[in-house]
Amino acid sequence: MDEKKNLLIAYNLQFFAKDGEGGEKTEEPTSKKLSDARKEGKVAKSKEIANGVSLLAFFISLKIFFGYAGDGFSNVFRKVYGIIPDVVNHSPGGLTIQTIVSIINEMILDMALIALPFMAFSFIANLVAEIVQVGWKPTLKPLQPKLEKFNPINGFKRIFSKQSLVNLLLALAKLGLIFYISFMGVKDQVQNLFIIYDISLFAALSLIYEIIIDIGIRISIVYIILALVDYAYQRWKFKDDMKMTKQEVKDEYKNTEGDPQIKGKQRRVMMEASQRRMMKAVPQADVVITNPTHIAVAIKYDNTKDEAPRVLAKGEDYLANKIKEAAKEANVPIVENKPLARALYATVDIDQTIPPELYQAVAEILAVVYTQRANAS
C-alpha cells in the first residue's frame, strides 16, 4: 500500500500544464516582447488595407490622368503606324524580326512612361497605408529562409488554421460584394449601354470609361471597409497571440533585469562594502553629531581641500550606534544636537559638503570642538 502511495506521489502535475510553460497565456505582452516581435517583422496589420487603398488610388489616378493617358496611347499608335511604312519601304531587308523587336521595345518604353503616374500613385498610396498601420521600421527578417516554413505539418496547420478560415470568409465576402456592386453599377447604366451602337466611337469609349471608373471606385471603397474589419481582427489576434504565461513574464524579467534574489544579494554586498569604507573614515572625523540615540553623522572640515565641512559617515539606529562606538574608540568628540543631526542626515549624502543653510550651526559646534582640542593640548 505504501509503495502505491509513493508511486502516485511521484507523478509530476506539471505534465498537465498548458503550453508547457507555466499554464495559460493570461498576461498582457511586455514592451520587450512587442519590441522583439516588431524586429522579427511580426506586427498587427491587414494586407487588405494596402490592397484596397492601392486599388482606390489606381481608379482615382485613372480618373485624373485619363486625358493624359488617352493622348499618350493615341500618340504611341500614330507613331508605330507611322514607322511601319517607312521601315517597309526604306529598310534594305524590309520588315525583319530585328526591326519589329526595335519597334516593340520603343513602344513598351513609351507606354511605361504613360503608365508611370498610375504606378507611382498606387505605390505611394500603398506605402502610406503600410506606414499608417505599423509605422516606419523596415526589417528584412521576414524574408530570411526558415526551416520551419518547409515543415509539411506546419503547412497543414496554417491551411486549416483560424486565420485561413477568416481569410476564406473574407475572400468570399469580397467576391460577393464585387459581383453585387458590378451588377448594380451596370444595371444603373443599362439604358445608356443600349444606345452605345448609335453614338460615336469616342463617345462610346467615354461612356464605358465612366462606368468602369464608377464601379471601380465603389468596389475600392467597399474593399477598404472590409479591410478595416480585417485590420480590427488582426489587431485582436496579434494581441491575443502575444499574450504571455506568468512563467514567461518571470523568465523575461530575470533575463532583462536579473534574478531579484541575486540582485538583492549584490545590493547587500555593495551596501556592506560601503558601510565598511564609511566606518573606516569615522576616526578621521572632527566631530560626530547625534540625535542622540537614533541618528549619528560624522563631520570633518579640511580647509585646505574643502570650502565647507564634509559628511564622512551617517546612519541611524544600529549603524548610528556603530558610528558612535568607532568615534569613542578613536576619541572623536560626540555632540548631541537633534535638529542638526536630523537635517544633516536627511539632506547631505556621504562624502558631500554641507549646504550653506547649515554652515552656522556646524561652525558653532566645530568651534567648541577645536577650542577643547587646543586646551587639551
Protein backbone atom coordinates (compact mmCIF):
# COMPACT_ATOMS: atom_id res chain seq x y z
CA MET A 1 0.00 0.00 0.00
CA ASP A 2 2.84 2.38 0.86
CA GLU A 3 4.56 1.61 -2.45
CA LYS A 4 1.42 2.50 -4.40
CA LYS A 5 1.06 5.72 -2.47
CA ASN A 6 4.67 6.71 -3.16
CA LEU A 7 4.22 5.83 -6.82
CA LEU A 8 1.20 8.14 -7.11
CA ILE A 9 3.02 10.99 -5.44
CA ALA A 10 5.92 10.68 -7.90
CA TYR A 11 3.77 11.89 -10.83
CA ASN A 12 4.52 15.50 -11.72
CA LEU A 13 1.37 17.55 -12.29
CA GLN A 14 3.29 19.97 -14.49
CA PHE A 15 2.91 17.45 -17.33
CA PHE A 16 -0.72 18.54 -17.48
CA ALA A 17 0.05 22.26 -17.68
CA LYS A 18 -0.86 24.04 -20.92
CA ASP A 19 1.84 25.15 -23.33
CA GLY A 20 4.46 23.54 -21.14
CA GLU A 21 5.45 27.00 -19.97
CA GLY A 22 3.58 27.53 -16.75
CA GLY A 23 -0.08 27.49 -17.80
CA GLU A 24 -2.37 29.59 -19.93
CA LYS A 25 -1.31 32.80 -21.60
CA THR A 26 -3.25 35.26 -19.48
CA GLU A 27 -0.70 38.08 -19.09
CA GLU A 28 -0.53 41.13 -21.33
CA PRO A 29 2.61 41.21 -23.53
CA THR A 30 5.51 43.20 -22.18
CA SER A 31 7.08 46.06 -24.10
CA LYS A 32 10.18 43.92 -24.67
CA LYS A 33 8.20 41.10 -26.25
CA LEU A 34 6.36 43.55 -28.51
CA SER A 35 9.67 45.18 -29.45
CA ASP A 36 11.27 41.80 -30.24
CA ALA A 37 8.23 40.81 -32.30
CA ARG A 38 8.47 44.03 -34.29
CA LYS A 39 12.15 43.38 -35.01
CA GLU A 40 11.10 40.00 -36.40
CA GLY A 41 8.52 41.71 -38.61
CA LYS A 42 5.55 40.49 -36.54
CA VAL A 43 3.06 43.35 -36.32
CA ALA A 44 -0.70 43.82 -36.32
CA LYS A 45 -1.64 44.79 -39.83
CA SER A 46 -4.01 43.89 -42.66
CA LYS A 47 -2.69 43.40 -46.17
CA GLU A 48 -6.20 44.13 -47.40
CA ILE A 49 -5.98 47.78 -46.35
CA ALA A 50 -2.93 48.36 -48.52
CA ASN A 51 -4.59 46.49 -51.41
CA GLY A 52 -7.82 48.44 -51.07
CA VAL A 53 -6.08 51.81 -50.82
CA SER A 54 -3.90 50.95 -53.83
CA LEU A 55 -6.97 49.94 -55.83
CA LEU A 56 -8.78 53.15 -54.91
CA ALA A 57 -5.67 55.19 -55.77
CA PHE A 58 -5.46 53.45 -59.15
CA PHE A 59 -9.04 54.30 -60.14
CA ILE A 60 -8.73 57.87 -58.84
CA SER A 61 -5.50 58.35 -60.79
CA LEU A 62 -7.21 56.81 -63.82
CA LYS A 63 -9.95 59.40 -63.50
CA ILE A 64 -7.41 62.24 -63.09
CA PHE A 65 -4.93 61.18 -65.77
CA PHE A 66 -7.34 59.65 -68.28
CA GLY A 67 -6.92 62.51 -70.72
CA TYR A 68 -3.14 62.30 -70.42
CA ALA A 69 -3.19 58.51 -70.88
CA GLY A 70 -5.60 58.70 -73.84
CA ASP A 71 -3.47 61.26 -75.65
CA GLY A 72 -0.35 59.25 -74.86
CA PHE A 73 -1.68 55.96 -76.21
CA SER A 74 -3.01 57.73 -79.33
CA ASN A 75 0.42 59.22 -79.94
CA VAL A 76 2.07 55.83 -79.47
CA PHE A 77 -0.17 54.14 -82.02
CA ARG A 78 0.24 57.00 -84.50
CA LYS A 79 3.99 56.78 -84.04
CA VAL A 80 4.04 53.00 -84.57
CA TYR A 81 1.79 53.04 -87.60
CA GLY A 82 3.85 55.91 -88.97
CA ILE A 83 7.11 53.99 -88.55
CA ILE A 84 5.97 50.71 -90.13
CA PRO A 85 5.55 52.06 -93.76
CA ASP A 86 8.92 53.82 -93.56
CA VAL A 87 10.59 50.63 -92.36
CA VAL A 88 8.95 48.51 -95.05
CA ASN A 89 9.70 50.93 -97.88
CA HIS A 90 13.14 52.20 -96.96
CA SER A 91 14.87 49.43 -94.99
CA PRO A 92 17.09 47.13 -97.06
CA GLY A 93 15.63 43.99 -95.55
CA GLY A 94 12.10 45.25 -95.14
CA LEU A 95 10.14 44.38 -92.00
CA THR A 96 12.52 41.96 -90.26
CA ILE A 97 12.47 40.41 -86.78
CA GLN A 98 15.09 42.92 -85.59
CA THR A 99 13.07 45.92 -86.75
CA ILE A 100 9.87 44.52 -85.19
CA VAL A 101 11.66 43.99 -81.85
CA SER A 102 13.07 47.51 -82.03
CA ILE A 103 9.60 48.98 -82.67
CA ILE A 104 8.06 46.94 -79.84
CA ASN A 105 10.81 48.00 -77.40
CA GLU A 106 10.27 51.64 -78.23
CA MET A 107 6.51 51.22 -77.89
CA ILE A 108 6.89 49.50 -74.48
CA LEU A 109 9.11 52.33 -73.23
CA ASP A 110 6.58 54.97 -74.34
CA MET A 111 3.70 53.05 -72.73
CA ALA A 112 5.67 52.59 -69.50
CA LEU A 113 6.13 56.37 -69.31
CA ILE A 114 2.38 56.77 -69.77
CA ALA A 115 1.67 54.22 -67.00
CA LEU A 116 4.24 55.78 -64.63
CA PRO A 117 1.79 58.23 -62.92
CA PHE A 118 -0.66 55.39 -62.19
CA MET A 119 2.08 53.16 -60.80
CA ALA A 120 3.55 55.98 -58.69
CA PHE A 121 0.10 56.93 -57.36
CA SER A 122 -0.62 53.33 -56.31
CA PHE A 123 2.85 52.80 -54.84
CA ILE A 124 2.65 55.94 -52.70
CA ALA A 125 -0.85 55.04 -51.51
CA ASN A 126 0.31 51.51 -50.61
CA LEU A 127 3.35 52.85 -48.73
CA VAL A 128 1.25 55.37 -46.78
CA ALA A 129 -1.27 52.65 -45.85
CA GLU A 130 1.52 50.43 -44.51
CA ILE A 131 3.15 53.26 -42.54
CA VAL A 132 -0.18 54.34 -41.01
CA GLN A 133 -0.75 50.77 -39.81
CA VAL A 134 2.67 49.86 -38.39
CA GLY A 135 4.91 52.94 -38.60
CA TRP A 136 8.28 53.15 -40.32
CA LYS A 137 10.69 50.47 -39.19
CA PRO A 138 11.68 48.26 -42.14
CA THR A 139 13.18 44.83 -41.50
CA LEU A 140 14.36 42.01 -43.77
CA LYS A 141 13.95 39.24 -41.17
CA PRO A 142 10.58 38.02 -42.53
CA LEU A 143 12.33 37.35 -45.86
CA GLN A 144 15.03 35.19 -44.29
CA PRO A 145 14.57 31.45 -45.00
CA LYS A 146 13.45 29.33 -42.05
CA LEU A 147 13.38 25.53 -41.94
CA GLU A 148 10.05 25.53 -40.10
CA LYS A 149 8.44 27.07 -43.18
CA PHE A 150 9.27 23.89 -45.11
CA ASN A 151 7.72 21.65 -42.47
CA PRO A 152 4.63 20.00 -44.05
CA ILE A 153 2.96 19.65 -40.64
CA ASN A 154 3.22 23.38 -40.03
CA GLY A 155 1.92 23.92 -43.56
CA PHE A 156 -1.20 21.86 -42.84
CA LYS A 157 -1.68 23.75 -39.59
CA ARG A 158 -1.60 27.04 -41.46
CA ILE A 159 -4.03 25.74 -44.10
CA PHE A 160 -6.59 24.61 -41.53
CA SER A 161 -5.99 27.40 -39.02
CA LYS A 162 -8.44 30.01 -37.74
CA GLN A 163 -6.63 32.63 -39.83
CA SER A 164 -7.16 30.59 -43.01
CA LEU A 165 -10.88 30.34 -42.24
CA VAL A 166 -11.08 34.10 -41.71
CA ASN A 167 -9.20 34.69 -44.98
CA LEU A 168 -11.58 32.35 -46.82
CA LEU A 169 -14.67 34.08 -45.44
CA LEU A 170 -13.18 37.47 -46.28
CA ALA A 171 -12.37 36.35 -49.84
CA LEU A 172 -15.91 35.05 -50.35
CA ALA A 173 -17.36 38.27 -48.96
CA LYS A 174 -15.16 40.29 -51.30
CA LEU A 175 -16.16 38.24 -54.33
CA GLY A 176 -19.83 38.51 -53.46
CA LEU A 177 -19.67 42.26 -52.90
CA ILE A 178 -17.61 42.84 -56.04
CA PHE A 179 -20.16 40.89 -58.09
CA TYR A 180 -23.07 42.75 -56.48
CA ILE A 181 -21.51 46.20 -56.93
CA SER A 182 -20.56 45.43 -60.54
CA PHE A 183 -24.06 44.17 -61.28
CA MET A 184 -25.71 47.24 -59.71
CA GLY A 185 -23.29 49.57 -61.49
CA VAL A 186 -24.08 48.06 -64.88
CA LYS A 187 -27.79 47.96 -64.04
CA ASP A 188 -27.81 51.70 -63.34
CA GLN A 189 -26.24 52.35 -66.76
CA VAL A 190 -28.16 49.76 -68.76
CA GLN A 191 -30.22 52.41 -70.59
CA ASN A 192 -27.06 54.15 -71.74
CA LEU A 193 -25.50 50.85 -72.85
CA PHE A 194 -28.41 50.22 -75.23
CA ILE A 195 -27.51 53.36 -77.22
CA ILE A 196 -23.81 52.56 -77.44
CA TYR A 197 -24.16 51.50 -81.11
CA ASP A 198 -25.90 54.75 -82.01
CA ILE A 199 -23.15 57.07 -80.77
CA SER A 200 -19.63 57.79 -82.00
CA LEU A 201 -16.68 55.61 -81.03
CA PHE A 202 -15.17 58.32 -78.84
CA ALA A 203 -18.48 58.85 -77.02
CA ALA A 204 -18.91 55.07 -76.53
CA LEU A 205 -15.40 54.75 -75.11
CA SER A 206 -16.01 57.69 -72.77
CA LEU A 207 -19.25 56.10 -71.55
CA ILE A 208 -17.58 52.75 -70.90
CA TYR A 209 -14.72 54.54 -69.17
CA GLU A 210 -17.10 56.40 -66.83
CA ILE A 211 -18.92 53.16 -65.97
CA ILE A 212 -15.66 51.33 -65.22
CA ILE A 213 -14.31 54.19 -63.09
CA ASP A 214 -17.57 54.49 -61.13
CA ILE A 215 -17.75 50.74 -60.45
CA GLY A 216 -14.03 50.60 -59.61
CA ILE A 217 -14.25 53.39 -57.02
CA ARG A 218 -17.32 51.77 -55.43
CA ILE A 219 -15.55 48.41 -55.24
CA SER A 220 -12.45 50.04 -53.75
CA ILE A 221 -14.43 51.80 -51.01
CA VAL A 222 -16.25 48.58 -50.04
CA TYR A 223 -12.92 46.74 -50.20
CA ILE A 224 -11.40 49.24 -47.74
CA ILE A 225 -14.37 48.84 -45.37
CA LEU A 226 -13.85 45.07 -45.38
CA ALA A 227 -10.12 45.65 -44.88
CA LEU A 228 -10.81 47.77 -41.78
CA VAL A 229 -12.83 44.89 -40.34
CA ASP A 230 -9.92 42.56 -41.10
CA TYR A 231 -7.50 45.04 -39.53
CA ALA A 232 -9.55 45.11 -36.30
CA TYR A 233 -9.47 41.31 -36.25
CA GLN A 234 -5.72 41.23 -36.93
CA ARG A 235 -5.07 43.62 -34.03
CA TRP A 236 -7.15 41.46 -31.70
CA LYS A 237 -5.47 38.26 -32.92
CA PHE A 238 -1.97 39.76 -32.64
CA LYS A 239 -2.63 40.93 -29.08
CA ASP A 240 -4.02 37.50 -28.17
CA ASP A 241 -1.04 35.71 -29.77
CA MET A 242 1.42 37.95 -27.95
CA LYS A 243 -0.01 37.18 -24.51
CA MET A 244 2.39 35.51 -22.10
CA THR A 245 2.22 32.98 -19.31
CA LYS A 246 3.16 34.04 -15.79
CA GLN A 247 6.31 31.95 -16.10
CA GLU A 248 7.31 33.71 -19.34
CA VAL A 249 6.93 37.07 -17.63
CA LYS A 250 9.12 35.91 -14.75
CA ASP A 251 11.74 34.47 -17.08
CA GLU A 252 11.85 37.65 -19.16
CA TYR A 253 12.26 39.77 -16.04
CA LYS A 254 15.13 37.56 -14.89
CA ASN A 255 16.81 37.80 -18.29
CA THR A 256 16.47 41.56 -18.57
CA GLU A 257 16.57 42.82 -15.01
CA GLY A 258 18.39 39.93 -13.42
CA ASP A 259 17.27 37.47 -10.75
CA PRO A 260 15.76 39.51 -7.85
CA GLN A 261 17.50 37.30 -5.30
CA ILE A 262 20.87 37.75 -6.98
CA LYS A 263 20.34 41.49 -7.35
CA GLY A 264 19.28 41.72 -3.71
CA LYS A 265 22.42 39.87 -2.67
CA GLN A 266 24.56 42.16 -4.85
CA ARG A 267 22.95 45.22 -3.26
CA ARG A 268 23.63 43.84 0.22
CA VAL A 269 27.26 43.15 -0.66
CA MET A 270 27.69 46.66 -2.07
CA MET A 271 25.99 48.21 0.94
CA GLU A 272 28.19 46.26 3.33
CA ALA A 273 31.30 47.33 1.41
CA SER A 274 30.14 50.95 1.50
CA GLN A 275 29.46 50.73 5.22
CA ARG A 276 32.92 49.28 5.85
CA ARG A 277 34.53 52.15 3.95
CA MET A 278 32.37 54.60 5.85
CA MET A 279 33.28 53.13 9.23
CA LYS A 280 37.00 53.37 8.37
CA ALA A 281 36.50 57.10 7.78
CA VAL A 282 34.90 57.76 11.20
CA PRO A 283 38.24 58.02 13.11
CA GLN A 284 39.25 60.86 10.75
CA ALA A 285 36.19 62.95 11.69
CA ASP A 286 36.36 66.16 13.73
CA VAL A 287 33.04 65.51 15.46
CA VAL A 288 30.04 63.15 15.46
CA ILE A 289 26.67 64.88 15.78
CA THR A 290 23.90 62.69 17.24
CA ASN A 291 20.14 62.60 17.78
CA PRO A 292 21.33 61.21 20.36
CA THR A 293 20.14 57.57 20.02
CA HIS A 294 18.69 57.16 16.52
CA ILE A 295 20.95 59.21 14.25
CA ALA A 296 24.72 59.84 14.04
CA VAL A 297 26.57 61.98 11.47
CA ALA A 298 30.39 62.23 11.32
CA ILE A 299 31.72 65.62 10.13
CA LYS A 300 35.22 66.71 9.06
CA TYR A 301 36.44 70.10 7.87
CA ASP A 302 39.69 70.38 5.94
CA ASN A 303 40.09 73.99 4.83
CA THR A 304 42.96 73.04 2.51
CA LYS A 305 40.67 70.86 0.33
CA ASP A 306 37.06 71.80 1.03
CA GLU A 307 35.14 75.05 1.15
CA ALA A 308 32.75 73.62 3.75
CA PRO A 309 32.61 70.73 6.26
CA ARG A 310 32.07 67.29 4.69
CA VAL A 311 29.96 64.34 5.88
CA LEU A 312 32.20 61.27 6.24
CA ALA A 313 29.60 58.87 7.61
CA LYS A 314 25.98 58.77 8.65
CA GLY A 315 23.50 56.21 9.88
CA GLU A 316 20.50 55.51 12.03
CA ASP A 317 19.65 53.02 14.76
CA TYR A 318 22.13 50.11 14.59
CA LEU A 319 24.51 51.91 12.22
CA ALA A 320 24.33 55.06 14.33
CA ASN A 321 25.47 53.06 17.36
CA LYS A 322 28.37 51.57 15.34
CA ILE A 323 29.46 55.09 14.30
CA LYS A 324 29.38 56.28 17.91
CA GLU A 325 31.37 53.22 19.06
CA ALA A 326 34.01 53.87 16.37
CA ALA A 327 34.12 57.53 17.40
CA LYS A 328 34.65 56.66 21.06
CA GLU A 329 37.47 54.25 20.19
CA ALA A 330 39.19 56.99 18.13
CA ASN A 331 38.50 59.73 20.74
CA VAL A 332 36.35 61.69 18.29
CA PRO A 333 34.06 64.11 20.16
CA ILE A 334 30.33 63.24 20.14
CA VAL A 335 27.94 66.19 20.34
CA GLU A 336 24.17 65.92 20.78
CA ASN A 337 22.08 68.25 18.57
CA LYS A 338 18.77 66.71 17.50
CA PRO A 339 17.63 69.27 14.85
CA LEU A 340 21.07 69.50 13.24
CA ALA A 341 21.56 65.71 13.23
CA ARG A 342 18.19 65.19 11.52
CA ALA A 343 18.90 67.94 8.98
CA LEU A 344 22.34 66.59 8.11
CA TYR A 345 21.07 63.02 7.80
CA ALA A 346 18.16 64.00 5.57
CA THR A 347 19.86 66.49 3.24
CA VAL A 348 23.54 65.55 2.89
CA ASP A 349 24.89 62.36 1.29
CA ILE A 350 28.09 60.66 2.35
CA ASP A 351 31.27 62.39 1.14
CA GLN A 352 29.30 65.55 0.27
CA THR A 353 29.79 69.03 1.76
CA ILE A 354 27.03 70.51 3.89
CA PRO A 355 24.64 73.12 2.39
CA PRO A 356 25.07 76.85 3.20
CA GLU A 357 21.99 76.95 5.44
CA LEU A 358 23.75 74.61 7.90
CA TYR A 359 27.09 76.45 7.94
CA GLN A 360 26.32 78.46 11.09
CA ALA A 361 25.11 75.54 13.22
CA VAL A 362 28.01 73.27 12.24
CA ALA A 363 30.56 76.07 12.62
CA GLU A 364 29.46 76.70 16.23
CA ILE A 365 29.94 73.01 17.11
CA LEU A 366 33.34 72.83 15.34
CA ALA A 367 34.46 75.98 17.16
CA VAL A 368 33.72 74.37 20.52
CA VAL A 369 35.47 71.14 19.47
CA TYR A 370 38.57 72.99 18.21
CA THR A 371 38.72 75.04 21.43
CA GLN A 372 38.51 71.91 23.60
CA ARG A 373 41.20 70.24 21.48
CA ALA A 374 43.50 73.27 21.80
CA ASN A 375 43.02 73.45 25.61
CA ALA A 376 43.71 69.72 25.93
CA SER A 377 46.97 70.03 24.06
